[in-house]
């Protein structure tokens, strides 16, 4: 099973600061592993597991951890869109295959079906566990939300809401209408 993690910044040690769904990290006695593989000059590095003692469970939904790529220069942090979202805005999300693949197989288009101050509902296609931390992007590729729940409709925390909490100290680059800050 592939559970996505999102690189939200690169710290001073050139480590990727990654946010992921906390579901599999909430129980420190779990035997599950989270595997990471960064891009490099020839494709992807060998997968490495993240040890549970390296994971910080931030809240009931998200955890963070850092990991340094073996070969630097091939990763960049995600850019955050901070403009208000509206119903029927076009969004995209990743679809991962069910097993044995670390890269998404498609980038399907969907639409925001409902907007609240903290959450959007969207209809992007996903695999059965895709709601566990899948990023939601606008047409420019900027992060607008992170999916956390599937109750008949996919629900995602908006970047604007996440920036008041978990992302506040984890990011360096924001984007809004193409302007960096």
C-alpha atoms as a PDB file:
ATOM      1  CA  UNK A   1       0.000   0.000   0.000  1.00  0.00           C
ATOM      2  CA  UNK A   2       1.273   3.498  -0.802  1.00  0.00           C
ATOM      3  CA  UNK A   3       0.479   6.274   1.635  1.00  0.00           C
ATOM      4  CA  UNK A   4       1.634   9.666   0.408  1.00  0.00           C
ATOM      5  CA  UNK A   5       3.856  12.038   2.301  1.00  0.00           C
ATOM      6  CA  UNK A   6       4.372  15.651   1.264  1.00  0.00           C
ATOM      7  CA  UNK A   7       7.686  17.509   1.464  1.00  0.00           C
ATOM      8  CA  UNK A   8       6.751  20.821   3.071  1.00  0.00           C
ATOM      9  CA  UNK A   9      10.253  22.284   3.484  1.00  0.00           C
ATOM     10  CA  UNK A  10      13.960  21.651   3.301  1.00  0.00           C
ATOM     11  CA  UNK A  11      15.674  22.406   6.614  1.00  0.00           C
ATOM     12  CA  UNK A  12      19.150  23.856   7.221  1.00  0.00           C
ATOM     13  CA  UNK A  13      20.689  20.343   7.184  1.00  0.00           C
ATOM     14  CA  UNK A  14      19.259  19.779   3.668  1.00  0.00           C
ATOM     15  CA  UNK A  15      16.775  17.278   5.083  1.00  0.00           C
ATOM     16  CA  UNK A  16      13.273  17.012   3.684  1.00  0.00           C
ATOM     17  CA  UNK A  17      10.595  17.852   6.252  1.00  0.00           C
ATOM     18  CA  UNK A  18       7.724  15.541   5.381  1.00  0.00           C
ATOM     19  CA  UNK A  19       4.100  15.580   6.540  1.00  0.00           C
ATOM     20  CA  UNK A  20       2.089  12.358   6.357  1.00  0.00           C
ATOM     21  CA  UNK A  21      -1.099  10.852   7.713  1.00  0.00           C
ATOM     22  CA  UNK A  22      -0.731   9.920  11.394  1.00  0.00           C
ATOM     23  CA  UNK A  23      -2.940   6.810  11.187  1.00  0.00           C
ATOM     24  CA  UNK A  24      -0.033   4.400  10.977  1.00  0.00           C
ATOM     25  CA  UNK A  25       2.161   6.251  13.458  1.00  0.00           C
ATOM     26  CA  UNK A  26      -0.293   6.694  16.309  1.00  0.00           C
ATOM     27  CA  UNK A  27       0.473   3.258  17.745  1.00  0.00           C
ATOM     28  CA  UNK A  28       4.217   3.142  18.493  1.00  0.00           C
ATOM     29  CA  UNK A  29       4.109  -0.664  18.859  1.00  0.00           C
ATOM     30  CA  UNK A  30       2.870  -1.127  15.282  1.00  0.00           C
ATOM     31  CA  UNK A  31       4.916  -3.366  13.013  1.00  0.00           C
ATOM     32  CA  UNK A  32       4.138  -1.271   9.939  1.00  0.00           C
ATOM     33  CA  UNK A  33       6.923   0.614   8.144  1.00  0.00           C
ATOM     34  CA  UNK A  34       6.749   3.862   6.214  1.00  0.00           C
ATOM     35  CA  UNK A  35       9.107   3.714   3.231  1.00  0.00           C
ATOM     36  CA  UNK A  36      10.524   6.752   1.480  1.00  0.00           C
ATOM     37  CA  UNK A  37      12.279   6.940  -1.865  1.00  0.00           C
ATOM     38  CA  UNK A  38      13.583  10.269  -3.153  1.00  0.00           C
ATOM     39  CA  UNK A  39      14.241  11.068  -6.823  1.00  0.00           C
ATOM     40  CA  UNK A  40      17.877  11.130  -7.931  1.00  0.00           C
ATOM     41  CA  UNK A  41      19.841  11.534 -11.169  1.00  0.00           C
ATOM     42  CA  UNK A  42      18.916   8.059 -12.456  1.00  0.00           C
ATOM     43  CA  UNK A  43      15.341   7.684 -11.211  1.00  0.00           C
ATOM     44  CA  UNK A  44      14.783   6.953  -7.526  1.00  0.00           C
ATOM     45  CA  UNK A  45      16.992   6.165  -4.578  1.00  0.00           C
ATOM     46  CA  UNK A  46      16.683   2.852  -2.797  1.00  0.00           C
ATOM     47  CA  UNK A  47      13.716   2.873  -0.424  1.00  0.00           C
ATOM     48  CA  UNK A  48      14.493   3.587   3.225  1.00  0.00           C
ATOM     49  CA  UNK A  49      12.204   3.026   6.164  1.00  0.00           C
ATOM     50  CA  UNK A  50      11.349   5.727   8.648  1.00  0.00           C
ATOM     51  CA  UNK A  51      11.807   4.599  12.242  1.00  0.00           C
ATOM     52  CA  UNK A  52       8.899   5.228  14.590  1.00  0.00           C
ATOM     53  CA  UNK A  53      11.132   7.134  17.027  1.00  0.00           C
ATOM     54  CA  UNK A  54      11.841   9.672  14.238  1.00  0.00           C
ATOM     55  CA  UNK A  55       8.168  10.478  13.720  1.00  0.00           C
ATOM     56  CA  UNK A  56       6.462  13.342  15.553  1.00  0.00           C
ATOM     57  CA  UNK A  57       2.709  12.795  15.821  1.00  0.00           C
ATOM     58  CA  UNK A  58       1.483  16.384  15.563  1.00  0.00           C
ATOM     59  CA  UNK A  59      -2.213  15.708  16.129  1.00  0.00           C
ATOM     60  CA  UNK A  60      -4.787  13.019  15.408  1.00  0.00           C
ATOM     61  CA  UNK A  61      -4.441  13.512  11.642  1.00  0.00           C
ATOM     62  CA  UNK A  62      -0.840  14.397  10.808  1.00  0.00           C
ATOM     63  CA  UNK A  63       2.707  13.471  11.701  1.00  0.00           C
ATOM     64  CA  UNK A  64       6.027  14.879  10.534  1.00  0.00           C
ATOM     65  CA  UNK A  65       9.521  13.510  10.112  1.00  0.00           C
ATOM     66  CA  UNK A  66      12.774  14.505   8.436  1.00  0.00           C
ATOM     67  CA  UNK A  67      14.948  12.484   6.116  1.00  0.00           C
ATOM     68  CA  UNK A  68      17.962  13.518   4.069  1.00  0.00           C
ATOM     69  CA  UNK A  69      18.176  12.372   0.451  1.00  0.00           C
ATOM     70  CA  UNK A  70      21.317  10.425  -0.423  1.00  0.00           C
ATOM     71  CA  UNK A  71      21.809  12.538  -3.543  1.00  0.00           C
ATOM     72  CA  UNK A  72      20.876  16.190  -3.033  1.00  0.00           C
ATOM     73  CA  UNK A  73      19.353  18.673  -5.443  1.00  0.00           C
ATOM     74  CA  UNK A  74      16.464  16.598  -6.768  1.00  0.00           C
ATOM     75  CA  UNK A  75      13.728  17.484  -4.292  1.00  0.00           C
ATOM     76  CA  UNK A  76      11.847  20.687  -3.664  1.00  0.00           C
ATOM     77  CA  UNK A  77       9.259  21.598  -1.052  1.00  0.00           C
ATOM     78  CA  UNK A  78       5.662  21.925  -2.130  1.00  0.00           C
ATOM     79  CA  UNK A  79       4.301  25.416  -2.714  1.00  0.00           C
ATOM     80  CA  UNK A  80       1.148  26.421  -0.833  1.00  0.00           C
ATOM     81  CA  UNK A  81      -1.764  28.288  -2.386  1.00  0.00           C
ATOM     82  CA  UNK A  82      -3.239  30.677   0.140  1.00  0.00           C
ATOM     83  CA  UNK A  83      -6.005  32.308  -1.906  1.00  0.00           C
ATOM     84  CA  UNK A  84      -9.618  31.463  -0.975  1.00  0.00           C
ATOM     85  CA  UNK A  85     -11.060  28.353  -2.566  1.00  0.00           C
ATOM     86  CA  UNK A  86     -14.457  28.226  -4.202  1.00  0.00           C
ATOM     87  CA  UNK A  87     -16.962  25.549  -5.099  1.00  0.00           C
ATOM     88  CA  UNK A  88     -16.294  24.161  -8.603  1.00  0.00           C
ATOM     89  CA  UNK A  89     -12.603  25.168  -8.554  1.00  0.00           C
ATOM     90  CA  UNK A  90     -10.626  22.608 -10.520  1.00  0.00           C
ATOM     91  CA  UNK A  91      -8.328  20.461  -8.371  1.00  0.00           C
ATOM     92  CA  UNK A  92      -6.086  17.451  -8.938  1.00  0.00           C
ATOM     93  CA  UNK A  93      -4.812  14.638  -6.774  1.00  0.00           C
ATOM     94  CA  UNK A  94      -2.495  11.675  -7.166  1.00  0.00           C
ATOM     95  CA  UNK A  95      -3.677   8.132  -7.755  1.00  0.00           C
ATOM     96  CA  UNK A  96      -1.201   5.523  -6.550  1.00  0.00           C
ATOM     97  CA  UNK A  97      -1.321   1.907  -7.645  1.00  0.00           C
ATOM     98  CA  UNK A  98      -2.293  -0.569  -4.997  1.00  0.00           C
ATOM     99  CA  UNK A  99       1.091  -2.264  -4.475  1.00  0.00           C
ATOM    100  CA  UNK A 100       4.762  -2.158  -5.332  1.00  0.00           C
ATOM    101  CA  UNK A 101       4.890   1.363  -6.789  1.00  0.00           C
ATOM    102  CA  UNK A 102       6.214   4.507  -5.156  1.00  0.00           C
ATOM    103  CA  UNK A 103       5.170   7.004  -7.804  1.00  0.00           C
ATOM    104  CA  UNK A 104       1.644   8.030  -8.754  1.00  0.00           C
ATOM    105  CA  UNK A 105       0.203   6.488 -11.882  1.00  0.00           C
ATOM    106  CA  UNK A 106      -2.142   9.340 -12.710  1.00  0.00           C
ATOM    107  CA  UNK A 107      -3.052  12.894 -11.792  1.00  0.00           C
ATOM    108  CA  UNK A 108      -6.841  12.992 -12.175  1.00  0.00           C
ATOM    109  CA  UNK A 109      -8.871  16.166 -12.301  1.00  0.00           C
ATOM    110  CA  UNK A 110     -11.784  16.816  -9.991  1.00  0.00           C
ATOM    111  CA  UNK A 111     -13.677  19.731  -8.525  1.00  0.00           C
ATOM    112  CA  UNK A 112     -14.275  21.230  -5.124  1.00  0.00           C
ATOM    113  CA  UNK A 113     -17.858  20.354  -4.246  1.00  0.00           C
ATOM    114  CA  UNK A 114     -18.130  22.260  -0.951  1.00  0.00           C
ATOM    115  CA  UNK A 115     -16.013  24.810   0.937  1.00  0.00           C
ATOM    116  CA  UNK A 116     -15.997  25.485   4.684  1.00  0.00           C
ATOM    117  CA  UNK A 117     -13.520  27.644   6.624  1.00  0.00           C
ATOM    118  CA  UNK A 118     -11.344  24.613   7.483  1.00  0.00           C
ATOM    119  CA  UNK A 119     -12.286  21.870   5.031  1.00  0.00           C
ATOM    120  CA  UNK A 120     -13.035  21.349   1.367  1.00  0.00           C
ATOM    121  CA  UNK A 121     -14.936  18.440  -0.127  1.00  0.00           C
ATOM    122  CA  UNK A 122     -13.710  17.221  -3.510  1.00  0.00           C
ATOM    123  CA  UNK A 123     -14.387  14.489  -6.042  1.00  0.00           C
ATOM    124  CA  UNK A 124     -10.901  13.581  -7.310  1.00  0.00           C
ATOM    125  CA  UNK A 125     -10.461   9.882  -8.049  1.00  0.00           C
ATOM    126  CA  UNK A 126      -8.295   8.005  -5.547  1.00  0.00           C
ATOM    127  CA  UNK A 127      -7.406   4.459  -4.630  1.00  0.00           C
ATOM    128  CA  UNK A 128      -9.082   3.002  -1.556  1.00  0.00           C
ATOM    129  CA  UNK A 129      -6.551   4.428   0.938  1.00  0.00           C
ATOM    130  CA  UNK A 130      -5.871   7.638  -0.984  1.00  0.00           C
ATOM    131  CA  UNK A 131      -7.704   9.739   1.542  1.00  0.00           C
ATOM    132  CA  UNK A 132      -4.919   9.082   4.063  1.00  0.00           C
ATOM    133  CA  UNK A 133      -2.876  12.191   3.376  1.00  0.00           C
ATOM    134  CA  UNK A 134      -3.204  12.605  -0.383  1.00  0.00           C
ATOM    135  CA  UNK A 135      -2.374  16.128  -1.538  1.00  0.00           C
ATOM    136  CA  UNK A 136      -4.888  18.203  -3.490  1.00  0.00           C
ATOM    137  CA  UNK A 137      -3.414  20.671  -5.992  1.00  0.00           C
ATOM    138  CA  UNK A 138      -4.732  23.573  -8.044  1.00  0.00           C
ATOM    139  CA  UNK A 139      -4.132  23.778 -11.815  1.00  0.00           C
ATOM    140  CA  UNK A 140      -0.696  25.394 -11.214  1.00  0.00           C
ATOM    141  CA  UNK A 141       0.441  22.514  -9.012  1.00  0.00           C
ATOM    142  CA  UNK A 142       0.257  24.446  -5.734  1.00  0.00           C
ATOM    143  CA  UNK A 143      -1.020  22.581  -2.677  1.00  0.00           C
ATOM    144  CA  UNK A 144      -4.530  23.676  -1.681  1.00  0.00           C
ATOM    145  CA  UNK A 145      -5.486  20.906   0.773  1.00  0.00           C
ATOM    146  CA  UNK A 146      -4.561  17.516   2.253  1.00  0.00           C
ATOM    147  CA  UNK A 147      -7.211  14.795   2.161  1.00  0.00           C
ATOM    148  CA  UNK A 148      -7.912  13.119   5.496  1.00  0.00           C
ATOM    149  CA  UNK A 149     -11.352  11.490   5.371  1.00  0.00           C
ATOM    150  CA  UNK A 150     -13.674   9.616   3.029  1.00  0.00           C
ATOM    151  CA  UNK A 151     -17.270   9.500   4.250  1.00  0.00           C
ATOM    152  CA  UNK A 152     -18.910   9.179   0.854  1.00  0.00           C
ATOM    153  CA  UNK A 153     -17.217  12.440  -0.110  1.00  0.00           C
ATOM    154  CA  UNK A 154     -13.510  13.140   0.152  1.00  0.00           C
ATOM    155  CA  UNK A 155     -12.712  15.732   2.800  1.00  0.00           C
ATOM    156  CA  UNK A 156      -9.464  17.699   2.961  1.00  0.00           C
ATOM    157  CA  UNK A 157      -7.987  20.226   5.392  1.00  0.00           C
ATOM    158  CA  UNK A 158      -7.306  23.475   3.551  1.00  0.00           C
ATOM    159  CA  UNK A 159      -3.785  24.871   3.443  1.00  0.00           C
ATOM    160  CA  UNK A 160      -5.100  28.104   4.927  1.00  0.00           C
ATOM    161  CA  UNK A 161      -6.360  26.177   7.971  1.00  0.00           C
ATOM    162  CA  UNK A 162      -3.214  24.015   8.212  1.00  0.00           C
ATOM    163  CA  UNK A 163      -1.023  27.117   8.118  1.00  0.00           C
ATOM    164  CA  UNK A 164      -2.574  28.228  11.411  1.00  0.00           C
ATOM    165  CA  UNK A 165      -1.377  25.009  13.007  1.00  0.00           C
ATOM    166  CA  UNK A 166       0.824  22.188  11.812  1.00  0.00           C
ATOM    167  CA  UNK A 167       2.330  23.900   8.752  1.00  0.00           C
ATOM    168  CA  UNK A 168       3.093  27.158  10.550  1.00  0.00           C
ATOM    169  CA  UNK A 169       6.580  26.100  11.627  1.00  0.00           C
ATOM    170  CA  UNK A 170       7.237  23.530   8.900  1.00  0.00           C
ATOM    171  CA  UNK A 171       7.319  25.597   5.715  1.00  0.00           C
ATOM    172  CA  UNK A 172       9.487  28.127   3.949  1.00  0.00           C
ATOM    173  CA  UNK A 173       7.755  28.819   0.661  1.00  0.00           C
ATOM    174  CA  UNK A 174       4.209  30.070   0.197  1.00  0.00           C
ATOM    175  CA  UNK A 175       2.651  30.934  -3.126  1.00  0.00           C
ATOM    176  CA  UNK A 176      -0.434  32.949  -3.836  1.00  0.00           C
ATOM    177  CA  UNK A 177      -1.411  33.897  -7.392  1.00  0.00           C
ATOM    178  CA  UNK A 178       2.137  33.022  -8.430  1.00  0.00           C
ATOM    179  CA  UNK A 179       3.705  35.427  -5.912  1.00  0.00           C
ATOM    180  CA  UNK A 180       6.250  33.944  -3.520  1.00  0.00           C
ATOM    181  CA  UNK A 181       6.573  35.062   0.072  1.00  0.00           C
END
